[in-house]
Amino acid sequence: MIGRLRGNILEKQPPLVLLEAHGVGYEIYMPMTCFYELPELQHEAVIFTHFVVREDAQLLFGFNSKQERTLFRELIKVNGVGPKLALAILSGMSAQQFVTAVEKEEIASLVKLPGVGKKTAERLVVEMKDRFKGMHGDLFGGDSAFTLTTPGPEAEPTMRKRKRLQRWYHWVINRRKRAV
């Protein structure tokens, strides 16, 4: 699996980016929210990727942060949502806006996204909210910008507790991946 690429941007044709890394050019599909944050042509960029192998194609999807990639991976686990629809969802709204829409059950804002009907929006809210449920503070660990709930002041973690929480988050996410 290709997890991260660093190289010079040769071409930018939305939603495709051609990134040269060590003499090899990689075509990477990116959501528009990430695409517009890329540097200019011939400048170096770091892109976190998700590699999809199908019978008829091998596709790379790219993101500016690990958190966006993690959200993409969670989206494609939802029944009826493939990589192209997940890319369209993340192109239509930022990852933070999507998490907020799911948390507040704003089906109307999800229906406005291309390719998302009422039933898909309802399914997204139900399934993604279940995945987000029980997570406090940083949703995906590290320096994530996604926050669903704010713990009280008594939950201020010490360094030891913080490391234990990060290990627990990774364990929960890996356990869910194995279950699917």
C-alpha atoms as a PDB file:
ATOM      1  CA  MET A   1       0.000   0.000   0.000  1.00  0.00           C
ATOM      2  CA  ILE A   2       1.166   3.529  -0.743  1.00  0.00           C
ATOM      3  CA  GLY A   3       0.557   5.633   2.367  1.00  0.00           C
ATOM      4  CA  ARG A   4       2.400   8.883   1.718  1.00  0.00           C
ATOM      5  CA  LEU A   5       4.139  10.578  -1.183  1.00  0.00           C
ATOM      6  CA  ARG A   6       6.528  13.504  -1.222  1.00  0.00           C
ATOM      7  CA  GLY A   7       7.540  15.098  -4.480  1.00  0.00           C
ATOM      8  CA  ASN A   8       7.119  17.951  -6.933  1.00  0.00           C
ATOM      9  CA  ILE A   9       3.752  18.831  -8.412  1.00  0.00           C
ATOM     10  CA  LEU A  10       3.955  18.561 -12.204  1.00  0.00           C
ATOM     11  CA  GLU A  11       0.295  19.088 -13.161  1.00  0.00           C
ATOM     12  CA  LYS A  12      -2.908  20.173 -11.475  1.00  0.00           C
ATOM     13  CA  GLN A  13      -6.173  19.375 -13.276  1.00  0.00           C
ATOM     14  CA  PRO A  14      -9.021  19.162 -10.739  1.00  0.00           C
ATOM     15  CA  PRO A  15      -9.470  16.655  -9.162  1.00  0.00           C
ATOM     16  CA  LEU A  16      -6.235  15.046 -10.453  1.00  0.00           C
ATOM     17  CA  VAL A  17      -2.732  15.955  -9.368  1.00  0.00           C
ATOM     18  CA  LEU A  18       0.390  14.571 -11.024  1.00  0.00           C
ATOM     19  CA  LEU A  19       3.113  14.255  -8.399  1.00  0.00           C
ATOM     20  CA  GLU A  20       6.655  13.209  -9.315  1.00  0.00           C
ATOM     21  CA  ALA A  21       8.438  11.245  -6.600  1.00  0.00           C
ATOM     22  CA  HIS A  22      11.908   9.892  -7.415  1.00  0.00           C
ATOM     23  CA  GLY A  23      11.295   9.905 -11.151  1.00  0.00           C
ATOM     24  CA  VAL A  24       7.863   8.268 -11.012  1.00  0.00           C
ATOM     25  CA  GLY A  25       4.725  10.304 -11.734  1.00  0.00           C
ATOM     26  CA  TYR A  26       1.695   9.433  -9.607  1.00  0.00           C
ATOM     27  CA  GLU A  27      -1.824  10.482 -10.604  1.00  0.00           C
ATOM     28  CA  ILE A  28      -3.690  11.254  -7.403  1.00  0.00           C
ATOM     29  CA  TYR A  29      -7.388  12.068  -7.026  1.00  0.00           C
ATOM     30  CA  MET A  30      -7.926  14.714  -4.348  1.00  0.00           C
ATOM     31  CA  PRO A  31     -10.999  16.352  -2.826  1.00  0.00           C
ATOM     32  CA  MET A  32     -11.324  19.982  -3.852  1.00  0.00           C
ATOM     33  CA  THR A  33     -10.902  21.114  -0.236  1.00  0.00           C
ATOM     34  CA  CYS A  34      -7.408  19.574  -0.276  1.00  0.00           C
ATOM     35  CA  PHE A  35      -6.653  20.415  -3.915  1.00  0.00           C
ATOM     36  CA  TYR A  36      -6.820  24.173  -3.371  1.00  0.00           C
ATOM     37  CA  GLU A  37      -4.444  23.979  -0.396  1.00  0.00           C
ATOM     38  CA  LEU A  38      -1.636  22.500  -2.523  1.00  0.00           C
ATOM     39  CA  PRO A  39       1.430  24.578  -3.394  1.00  0.00           C
ATOM     40  CA  GLU A  40       2.061  25.884  -6.911  1.00  0.00           C
ATOM     41  CA  LEU A  41       3.449  23.787  -9.782  1.00  0.00           C
ATOM     42  CA  GLN A  42       7.064  22.614  -9.452  1.00  0.00           C
ATOM     43  CA  HIS A  43       6.931  22.986  -5.658  1.00  0.00           C
ATOM     44  CA  GLU A  44       7.278  20.118  -3.220  1.00  0.00           C
ATOM     45  CA  ALA A  45       4.202  18.670  -1.553  1.00  0.00           C
ATOM     46  CA  VAL A  46       3.504  15.871   0.911  1.00  0.00           C
ATOM     47  CA  ILE A  47       0.305  13.925   0.239  1.00  0.00           C
ATOM     48  CA  PHE A  48      -1.169  11.170   2.413  1.00  0.00           C
ATOM     49  CA  THR A  49      -2.724   8.558   0.175  1.00  0.00           C
ATOM     50  CA  HIS A  50      -5.228   5.732   0.119  1.00  0.00           C
ATOM     51  CA  PHE A  51      -4.595   3.096  -2.557  1.00  0.00           C
ATOM     52  CA  VAL A  52      -7.630   1.341  -4.087  1.00  0.00           C
ATOM     53  CA  VAL A  53      -7.155  -1.775  -6.212  1.00  0.00           C
ATOM     54  CA  ARG A  54     -10.114  -2.867  -8.309  1.00  0.00           C
ATOM     55  CA  GLU A  55     -10.501  -5.369 -11.082  1.00  0.00           C
ATOM     56  CA  ASP A  56     -10.367  -2.648 -13.730  1.00  0.00           C
ATOM     57  CA  ALA A  57      -8.247   0.079 -12.098  1.00  0.00           C
ATOM     58  CA  GLN A  58      -5.702   1.024  -9.461  1.00  0.00           C
ATOM     59  CA  LEU A  59      -6.472   4.427  -7.964  1.00  0.00           C
ATOM     60  CA  LEU A  60      -4.673   6.726  -5.552  1.00  0.00           C
ATOM     61  CA  PHE A  61      -6.692   9.150  -3.447  1.00  0.00           C
ATOM     62  CA  GLY A  62      -4.735  11.914  -1.734  1.00  0.00           C
ATOM     63  CA  PHE A  63      -5.207  14.156   1.290  1.00  0.00           C
ATOM     64  CA  ASN A  64      -3.292  16.943   3.000  1.00  0.00           C
ATOM     65  CA  SER A  65      -3.516  15.382   6.473  1.00  0.00           C
ATOM     66  CA  LYS A  66      -3.791  11.959   8.072  1.00  0.00           C
ATOM     67  CA  GLN A  67      -7.087  12.972   9.670  1.00  0.00           C
ATOM     68  CA  GLU A  68      -8.711  13.674   6.293  1.00  0.00           C
ATOM     69  CA  ARG A  69      -7.470  10.313   5.024  1.00  0.00           C
ATOM     70  CA  THR A  70      -8.849   8.570   8.116  1.00  0.00           C
ATOM     71  CA  LEU A  71     -12.231  10.223   7.608  1.00  0.00           C
ATOM     72  CA  PHE A  72     -12.164   9.113   3.946  1.00  0.00           C
ATOM     73  CA  ARG A  73     -11.443   5.533   5.050  1.00  0.00           C
ATOM     74  CA  GLU A  74     -14.334   5.653   7.506  1.00  0.00           C
ATOM     75  CA  LEU A  75     -16.630   7.057   4.806  1.00  0.00           C
ATOM     76  CA  ILE A  76     -15.926   4.247   2.340  1.00  0.00           C
ATOM     77  CA  LYS A  77     -16.894   1.710   5.018  1.00  0.00           C
ATOM     78  CA  VAL A  78     -20.454   3.088   4.994  1.00  0.00           C
ATOM     79  CA  ASN A  79     -22.844   0.934   2.987  1.00  0.00           C
ATOM     80  CA  GLY A  80     -23.431   2.496  -0.434  1.00  0.00           C
ATOM     81  CA  VAL A  81     -20.480   4.913  -0.265  1.00  0.00           C
ATOM     82  CA  GLY A  82     -17.550   4.165  -2.537  1.00  0.00           C
ATOM     83  CA  PRO A  83     -14.305   6.083  -3.030  1.00  0.00           C
ATOM     84  CA  LYS A  84     -15.752   8.394  -5.696  1.00  0.00           C
ATOM     85  CA  LEU A  85     -18.740   9.388  -3.539  1.00  0.00           C
ATOM     86  CA  ALA A  86     -16.500   9.834  -0.490  1.00  0.00           C
ATOM     87  CA  LEU A  87     -14.281  12.100  -2.606  1.00  0.00           C
ATOM     88  CA  ALA A  88     -17.350  14.096  -3.694  1.00  0.00           C
ATOM     89  CA  ILE A  89     -18.476  14.436  -0.062  1.00  0.00           C
ATOM     90  CA  LEU A  90     -15.078  15.721   1.056  1.00  0.00           C
ATOM     91  CA  SER A  91     -14.979  18.038  -1.981  1.00  0.00           C
ATOM     92  CA  GLY A  92     -18.335  19.551  -1.081  1.00  0.00           C
ATOM     93  CA  MET A  93     -17.474  20.324   2.539  1.00  0.00           C
ATOM     94  CA  SER A  94     -14.400  20.260   4.733  1.00  0.00           C
ATOM     95  CA  ALA A  95     -13.793  17.328   7.046  1.00  0.00           C
ATOM     96  CA  GLN A  96     -14.639  19.501  10.072  1.00  0.00           C
ATOM     97  CA  GLN A  97     -17.920  20.608   8.466  1.00  0.00           C
ATOM     98  CA  PHE A  98     -18.803  16.978   7.726  1.00  0.00           C
ATOM     99  CA  VAL A  99     -18.115  15.880  11.311  1.00  0.00           C
ATOM    100  CA  THR A 100     -20.222  18.784  12.602  1.00  0.00           C
ATOM    101  CA  ALA A 101     -23.071  17.922  10.193  1.00  0.00           C
ATOM    102  CA  VAL A 102     -23.041  14.298  11.364  1.00  0.00           C
ATOM    103  CA  GLU A 103     -22.873  15.295  15.019  1.00  0.00           C
ATOM    104  CA  LYS A 104     -25.814  17.710  14.674  1.00  0.00           C
ATOM    105  CA  GLU A 105     -27.696  15.361  12.318  1.00  0.00           C
ATOM    106  CA  GLU A 106     -27.961  18.041   9.612  1.00  0.00           C
ATOM    107  CA  ILE A 107     -29.346  15.849   6.846  1.00  0.00           C
ATOM    108  CA  ALA A 108     -30.333  18.902   4.785  1.00  0.00           C
ATOM    109  CA  SER A 109     -26.706  20.019   4.445  1.00  0.00           C
ATOM    110  CA  LEU A 110     -25.601  16.500   3.461  1.00  0.00           C
ATOM    111  CA  VAL A 111     -28.326  16.224   0.798  1.00  0.00           C
ATOM    112  CA  LYS A 112     -26.859  19.311  -0.913  1.00  0.00           C
ATOM    113  CA  LEU A 113     -23.694  17.342  -1.707  1.00  0.00           C
ATOM    114  CA  PRO A 114     -23.481  15.850  -5.224  1.00  0.00           C
ATOM    115  CA  GLY A 115     -24.464  12.180  -5.305  1.00  0.00           C
ATOM    116  CA  VAL A 116     -25.997  12.195  -1.810  1.00  0.00           C
ATOM    117  CA  GLY A 117     -29.743  11.679  -1.598  1.00  0.00           C
ATOM    118  CA  LYS A 118     -31.950  11.674   1.459  1.00  0.00           C
ATOM    119  CA  LYS A 119     -31.504   7.946   2.176  1.00  0.00           C
ATOM    120  CA  THR A 120     -27.724   8.122   1.770  1.00  0.00           C
ATOM    121  CA  ALA A 121     -27.578  11.191   4.020  1.00  0.00           C
ATOM    122  CA  GLU A 122     -29.612   9.412   6.701  1.00  0.00           C
ATOM    123  CA  ARG A 123     -27.389   6.338   6.431  1.00  0.00           C
ATOM    124  CA  LEU A 124     -24.273   8.533   6.695  1.00  0.00           C
ATOM    125  CA  VAL A 125     -25.583  10.175   9.854  1.00  0.00           C
ATOM    126  CA  VAL A 126     -26.552   6.890  11.510  1.00  0.00           C
ATOM    127  CA  GLU A 127     -23.421   4.919  10.633  1.00  0.00           C
ATOM    128  CA  MET A 128     -20.883   7.714  11.087  1.00  0.00           C
ATOM    129  CA  LYS A 129     -22.428   8.858  14.357  1.00  0.00           C
ATOM    130  CA  ASP A 130     -22.110   5.289  15.657  1.00  0.00           C
ATOM    131  CA  ARG A 131     -18.439   5.336  14.709  1.00  0.00           C
ATOM    132  CA  PHE A 132     -17.898   8.706  16.386  1.00  0.00           C
ATOM    133  CA  LYS A 133     -19.911   7.803  19.503  1.00  0.00           C
ATOM    134  CA  GLY A 134     -17.924   7.416  22.691  1.00  0.00           C
ATOM    135  CA  MET A 135     -14.883   9.257  21.390  1.00  0.00           C
ATOM    136  CA  HIS A 136     -13.843  12.189  23.568  1.00  0.00           C
ATOM    137  CA  GLY A 137     -11.448  14.943  22.578  1.00  0.00           C
ATOM    138  CA  ASP A 138      -9.470  14.249  19.431  1.00  0.00           C
ATOM    139  CA  LEU A 139     -11.398  11.916  17.198  1.00  0.00           C
ATOM    140  CA  PHE A 140      -8.466  10.300  15.463  1.00  0.00           C
ATOM    141  CA  GLY A 141      -5.647  10.944  17.933  1.00  0.00           C
ATOM    142  CA  GLY A 142      -2.659  13.205  17.417  1.00  0.00           C
ATOM    143  CA  ASP A 143      -3.261  16.830  16.511  1.00  0.00           C
ATOM    144  CA  SER A 144      -6.614  16.260  14.860  1.00  0.00           C
ATOM    145  CA  ALA A 145      -8.900  19.198  14.183  1.00  0.00           C
ATOM    146  CA  PHE A 146     -11.995  17.028  14.609  1.00  0.00           C
ATOM    147  CA  THR A 147     -13.670  17.349  17.970  1.00  0.00           C
ATOM    148  CA  LEU A 148     -17.066  15.849  18.632  1.00  0.00           C
ATOM    149  CA  THR A 149     -17.398  16.235  22.374  1.00  0.00           C
ATOM    150  CA  THR A 150     -15.510  18.223  24.916  1.00  0.00           C
ATOM    151  CA  PRO A 151     -14.573  16.439  28.113  1.00  0.00           C
ATOM    152  CA  GLY A 152     -15.062  18.242  31.402  1.00  0.00           C
ATOM    153  CA  PRO A 153     -12.201  19.872  33.315  1.00  0.00           C
ATOM    154  CA  GLU A 154     -11.845  16.776  35.518  1.00  0.00           C
ATOM    155  CA  ALA A 155     -10.916  14.800  32.385  1.00  0.00           C
ATOM    156  CA  GLU A 156      -7.730  16.804  31.783  1.00  0.00           C
ATOM    157  CA  PRO A 157      -5.328  13.979  30.902  1.00  0.00           C
ATOM    158  CA  THR A 158      -1.823  13.687  32.246  1.00  0.00           C
ATOM    159  CA  MET A 159       0.940  12.606  29.877  1.00  0.00           C
ATOM    160  CA  ARG A 160       0.623   8.964  30.980  1.00  0.00           C
ATOM    161  CA  LYS A 161      -3.167   9.009  30.553  1.00  0.00           C
ATOM    162  CA  ARG A 162      -2.813  10.724  27.181  1.00  0.00           C
ATOM    163  CA  LYS A 163      -0.521   7.962  25.872  1.00  0.00           C
ATOM    164  CA  ARG A 164      -2.862   5.318  27.237  1.00  0.00           C
ATOM    165  CA  LEU A 165      -5.815   7.035  25.519  1.00  0.00           C
ATOM    166  CA  GLN A 166      -3.960   7.171  22.196  1.00  0.00           C
ATOM    167  CA  ARG A 167      -3.179   3.461  22.415  1.00  0.00           C
ATOM    168  CA  TRP A 168      -6.835   2.788  23.263  1.00  0.00           C
ATOM    169  CA  TYR A 169      -8.053   4.858  20.271  1.00  0.00           C
ATOM    170  CA  HIS A 170      -5.738   2.935  17.931  1.00  0.00           C
ATOM    171  CA  TRP A 171      -6.878  -0.373  19.425  1.00  0.00           C
ATOM    172  CA  VAL A 172     -10.560   0.542  18.927  1.00  0.00           C
ATOM    173  CA  ILE A 173     -10.027   1.678  15.333  1.00  0.00           C
ATOM    174  CA  ASN A 174      -7.983  -1.438  14.451  1.00  0.00           C
ATOM    175  CA  ARG A 175     -10.573  -3.680  16.107  1.00  0.00           C
ATOM    176  CA  ARG A 176     -13.322  -2.107  14.028  1.00  0.00           C
ATOM    177  CA  LYS A 177     -11.271  -2.510  10.854  1.00  0.00           C
ATOM    178  CA  ARG A 178     -10.786  -6.207  11.581  1.00  0.00           C
ATOM    179  CA  ALA A 179     -14.525  -6.622  12.233  1.00  0.00           C
ATOM    180  CA  VAL A 180     -15.384  -5.277   8.771  1.00  0.00           C
END
